[in-house]
N, C-alpha and C. Protein backbone atom coordinates (compact mmCIF):
# COMPACT_ATOMS: atom_id res chain seq x y z
N MET A 1 100.64 106.28 104.47
CA MET A 1 100.66 105.45 105.35
C MET A 1 99.25 105.19 106.03
N GLU A 2 99.02 103.43 105.98
CA GLU A 2 97.67 103.05 105.75
C GLU A 2 96.90 103.90 108.03
N PRO A 3 96.12 104.30 108.61
CA PRO A 3 95.75 104.66 109.89
C PRO A 3 96.00 103.63 110.33
N ILE A 4 96.04 102.41 110.31
CA ILE A 4 95.92 101.50 111.35
C ILE A 4 97.75 101.45 111.43
N ILE A 5 98.14 101.32 110.42
CA ILE A 5 99.66 101.70 111.12
C ILE A 5 99.75 102.59 111.83
N GLN A 6 99.69 103.67 110.90
CA GLN A 6 99.96 105.08 111.80
C GLN A 6 99.33 105.16 113.46
N GLU A 7 98.82 103.91 113.89
CA GLU A 7 98.63 104.38 115.14
C GLU A 7 98.58 102.65 115.54
N ALA A 8 99.54 101.64 114.88
CA ALA A 8 100.10 101.29 116.06
C ALA A 8 101.88 101.82 116.57
N LEU A 9 101.86 102.35 115.19
CA LEU A 9 103.33 102.71 115.85
C LEU A 9 102.76 104.16 116.61
N GLU A 10 101.97 104.97 116.63
CA GLU A 10 102.19 105.76 117.94
C GLU A 10 101.57 104.80 119.42
N ALA A 11 100.98 103.81 118.86
CA ALA A 11 100.81 102.86 121.10
C ALA A 11 102.24 102.73 121.00
N VAL A 12 102.55 102.18 120.11
CA VAL A 12 103.80 101.43 120.94
C VAL A 12 104.56 102.75 120.99
N ALA A 13 105.04 103.98 120.30
CA ALA A 13 105.82 104.52 120.37
C ALA A 13 105.78 105.02 121.85
N ARG A 14 104.05 105.92 122.48
CA ARG A 14 103.21 105.96 123.84
C ARG A 14 103.93 104.99 124.75
N GLN A 15 103.55 103.38 124.52
CA GLN A 15 103.94 102.80 125.45
C GLN A 15 105.41 102.64 125.64
N LYS A 16 106.38 103.20 124.98
CA LYS A 16 107.97 102.85 125.29
C LYS A 16 108.11 104.16 125.77
N ARG A 17 107.33 105.47 125.94
CA ARG A 17 108.07 106.05 125.78
C ARG A 17 108.45 107.16 124.72
N THR A 18 108.57 106.61 123.88
CA THR A 18 110.04 107.04 123.28
C THR A 18 109.10 108.37 121.54
N THR A 19 109.35 108.30 120.34
CA THR A 19 108.80 108.56 118.86
C THR A 19 108.61 107.71 118.38
N ILE A 20 107.56 108.25 116.96
CA ILE A 20 107.39 106.88 116.08
C ILE A 20 109.47 106.59 115.32
N GLU A 21 109.81 107.90 115.10
CA GLU A 21 110.62 107.80 114.39
C GLU A 21 112.05 106.98 115.28
N ALA A 22 111.90 106.14 116.86
CA ALA A 22 112.99 105.98 117.14
C ALA A 22 111.98 104.41 117.37
N ILE A 23 110.87 104.33 117.00
CA ILE A 23 110.32 103.13 117.01
C ILE A 23 110.55 102.99 115.45
N ARG A 24 110.42 103.44 114.46
CA ARG A 24 110.35 102.94 113.30
C ARG A 24 112.10 102.66 113.06
N ALA A 25 112.84 103.80 113.77
CA ALA A 25 114.65 103.10 113.65
C ALA A 25 114.90 101.91 114.25
N GLU A 26 114.26 101.36 115.33
CA GLU A 26 114.22 99.60 115.49
C GLU A 26 113.98 98.83 114.67
N ILE A 27 112.21 99.16 114.29
CA ILE A 27 112.42 98.42 113.05
C ILE A 27 113.06 97.79 112.08
N GLU A 28 113.37 98.97 111.55
CA GLU A 28 114.42 99.08 110.15
C GLU A 28 115.50 98.62 110.39
N GLU A 29 116.33 98.48 111.53
CA GLU A 29 117.36 97.79 112.33
C GLU A 29 116.97 96.04 112.03
N ALA A 30 115.59 95.98 112.58
CA ALA A 30 115.54 94.43 113.16
C ALA A 30 115.42 93.92 110.87
N ILE A 31 114.93 94.85 110.51
CA ILE A 31 115.00 94.37 109.05
C ILE A 31 116.23 94.25 108.63
N ASP A 32 116.91 94.93 108.37
CA ASP A 32 118.57 95.11 108.13
C ASP A 32 119.48 93.20 108.43
N GLN A 33 118.77 93.56 109.72
CA GLN A 33 119.52 92.16 110.39
C GLN A 33 118.64 91.00 109.55
N ALA A 34 117.51 90.71 109.99
CA ALA A 34 117.07 89.71 108.69
C ALA A 34 117.62 89.76 107.76
N TRP A 35 117.83 90.42 106.55
CA TRP A 35 118.20 90.55 105.01
C TRP A 35 119.99 90.27 105.68
N SER A 36 120.23 90.23 106.37
CA SER A 36 121.78 90.28 106.29
C SER A 36 121.87 88.72 106.73
N SER A 37 121.12 87.88 107.52
CA SER A 37 121.12 87.01 107.94
C SER A 37 121.19 85.39 106.49
N CYS A 38 121.70 84.46 106.86
CA CYS A 38 122.55 83.59 105.85
C CYS A 38 121.45 82.53 106.51
N ASP A 39 120.36 82.95 107.64
CA ASP A 39 119.23 81.23 107.63
C ASP A 39 118.36 80.77 106.97
N PRO A 40 118.48 79.97 106.72
CA PRO A 40 117.81 79.68 105.12
C PRO A 40 115.89 79.96 105.78
N ALA A 41 115.51 79.33 106.94
CA ALA A 41 114.91 80.46 107.57
C ALA A 41 114.36 81.44 107.87
N VAL A 42 115.08 81.90 107.97
CA VAL A 42 115.13 83.69 107.41
C VAL A 42 114.70 84.15 106.52
N ILE A 43 115.36 83.88 106.02
CA ILE A 43 115.69 83.97 103.79
C ILE A 43 114.54 83.38 103.50
N PHE A 44 113.31 81.97 103.73
CA PHE A 44 112.37 82.28 103.38
C PHE A 44 111.27 82.99 103.32
N PHE A 45 111.00 83.46 105.45
CA PHE A 45 110.57 84.36 105.42
C PHE A 45 110.56 85.12 105.13
N HIS A 46 111.64 86.57 104.99
CA HIS A 46 111.32 87.50 104.49
C HIS A 46 111.78 87.54 103.12
N GLU A 47 111.67 86.13 101.98
CA GLU A 47 111.54 86.67 100.30
C GLU A 47 109.68 85.72 100.36
N ASP A 48 109.05 86.44 102.00
CA ASP A 48 107.25 86.14 101.05
C ASP A 48 106.87 87.74 101.20
N ILE A 49 107.57 88.61 101.72
CA ILE A 49 107.10 89.59 102.73
C ILE A 49 107.37 90.28 101.57
N PRO A 50 105.95 91.49 100.83
CA PRO A 50 106.09 92.15 99.71
C PRO A 50 106.40 94.10 99.99
N CYS A 51 107.11 93.63 99.26
CA CYS A 51 107.26 95.33 99.18
C CYS A 51 107.49 95.73 97.66
N GLU A 52 107.90 97.32 97.61
CA GLU A 52 108.42 98.09 96.61
C GLU A 52 110.03 98.36 96.46
N GLY A 53 110.52 97.93 97.20
CA GLY A 53 112.25 98.19 97.35
C GLY A 53 112.45 96.88 97.47
N GLU A 54 114.48 96.99 97.87
CA GLU A 54 114.94 95.38 97.19
C GLU A 54 114.76 95.47 99.22
N LYS A 55 114.14 95.73 100.50
CA LYS A 55 113.33 95.26 101.53
C LYS A 55 112.79 96.04 102.25
N PRO A 56 111.62 95.66 102.62
CA PRO A 56 110.22 96.50 103.13
C PRO A 56 111.18 97.55 104.02
N THR A 57 109.88 98.82 104.14
CA THR A 57 109.95 99.62 104.67
C THR A 57 109.07 99.22 106.33
N PRO A 58 109.89 99.60 107.26
CA PRO A 58 108.85 99.31 108.56
C PRO A 58 106.88 99.62 108.95
N GLU A 59 106.28 100.20 107.98
CA GLU A 59 105.38 99.84 107.58
C GLU A 59 104.89 99.03 106.39
N GLU A 60 105.06 99.07 105.78
CA GLU A 60 104.95 97.40 104.71
C GLU A 60 105.80 96.59 105.68
N LEU A 61 106.16 96.13 106.26
CA LEU A 61 106.59 95.17 107.69
C LEU A 61 105.45 95.17 108.51
N LEU A 62 105.09 95.83 109.11
CA LEU A 62 103.54 95.76 109.81
C LEU A 62 102.25 96.30 109.03
N ALA A 63 101.88 96.15 107.96
CA ALA A 63 101.24 95.52 106.83
C ALA A 63 100.60 94.35 106.94
N TYR A 64 102.82 93.84 106.11
CA TYR A 64 102.06 93.03 106.16
C TYR A 64 102.01 90.87 107.20
N LEU A 65 102.92 91.70 108.82
CA LEU A 65 102.28 90.91 109.65
C LEU A 65 100.64 91.36 110.29
N CYS A 66 100.18 92.53 110.52
CA CYS A 66 98.80 92.31 110.35
C CYS A 66 97.65 91.77 109.11
N LEU A 67 98.36 91.41 108.32
CA LEU A 67 97.86 90.77 107.52
C LEU A 67 97.66 88.97 108.24
N ARG A 68 98.83 88.24 108.35
CA ARG A 68 99.38 87.57 108.48
C ARG A 68 98.75 86.71 110.01
N ILE A 69 98.77 87.73 110.88
CA ILE A 69 98.31 87.64 111.48
C ILE A 69 96.63 87.59 111.86
N PHE A 70 96.39 88.36 111.06
CA PHE A 70 94.33 87.99 110.97
C PHE A 70 93.61 87.03 109.95
N PHE A 71 95.37 86.16 109.06
CA PHE A 71 94.48 86.09 108.40
C PHE A 71 94.68 83.82 109.35
N CYS A 72 95.84 83.94 110.10
CA CYS A 72 96.05 82.77 110.83
C CYS A 72 94.69 82.76 112.11
N ASP A 73 94.65 83.93 112.21
CA ASP A 73 93.21 84.37 113.54
C ASP A 73 92.35 83.59 112.68
N LEU A 74 91.88 84.20 111.37
CA LEU A 74 91.01 83.82 111.02
C LEU A 74 90.81 82.15 110.54
N LEU A 75 91.94 81.30 110.39
CA LEU A 75 91.72 79.94 110.12
C LEU A 75 91.50 79.29 111.24
N LYS A 76 91.86 79.58 112.68
CA LYS A 76 91.83 79.03 114.05
C LYS A 76 90.53 78.78 114.08
N ASN A 77 89.94 80.22 113.88
CA ASN A 77 88.05 80.33 113.98
C ASN A 77 87.74 81.37 113.09
N PRO A 78 87.15 80.17 112.12
CA PRO A 78 86.47 80.29 111.02
C PRO A 78 84.81 80.61 112.01
């Protein structure tokens, strides 16, 4: 796992006063809901997320979102 992703999970767990495992479970539930959606906008979004399996792990999703945020910010503030 990338150190920055581990740090992010730890920070959220501390903030919510829970465990990393609980945070991962919440993210996995959100992924499962997204992957079962019939909404074309949701399908379009999740088709863009690179992953090794059928759907991303929480770490893969977080890495993807971090990159999107970084590049969107870079485009806004060159």
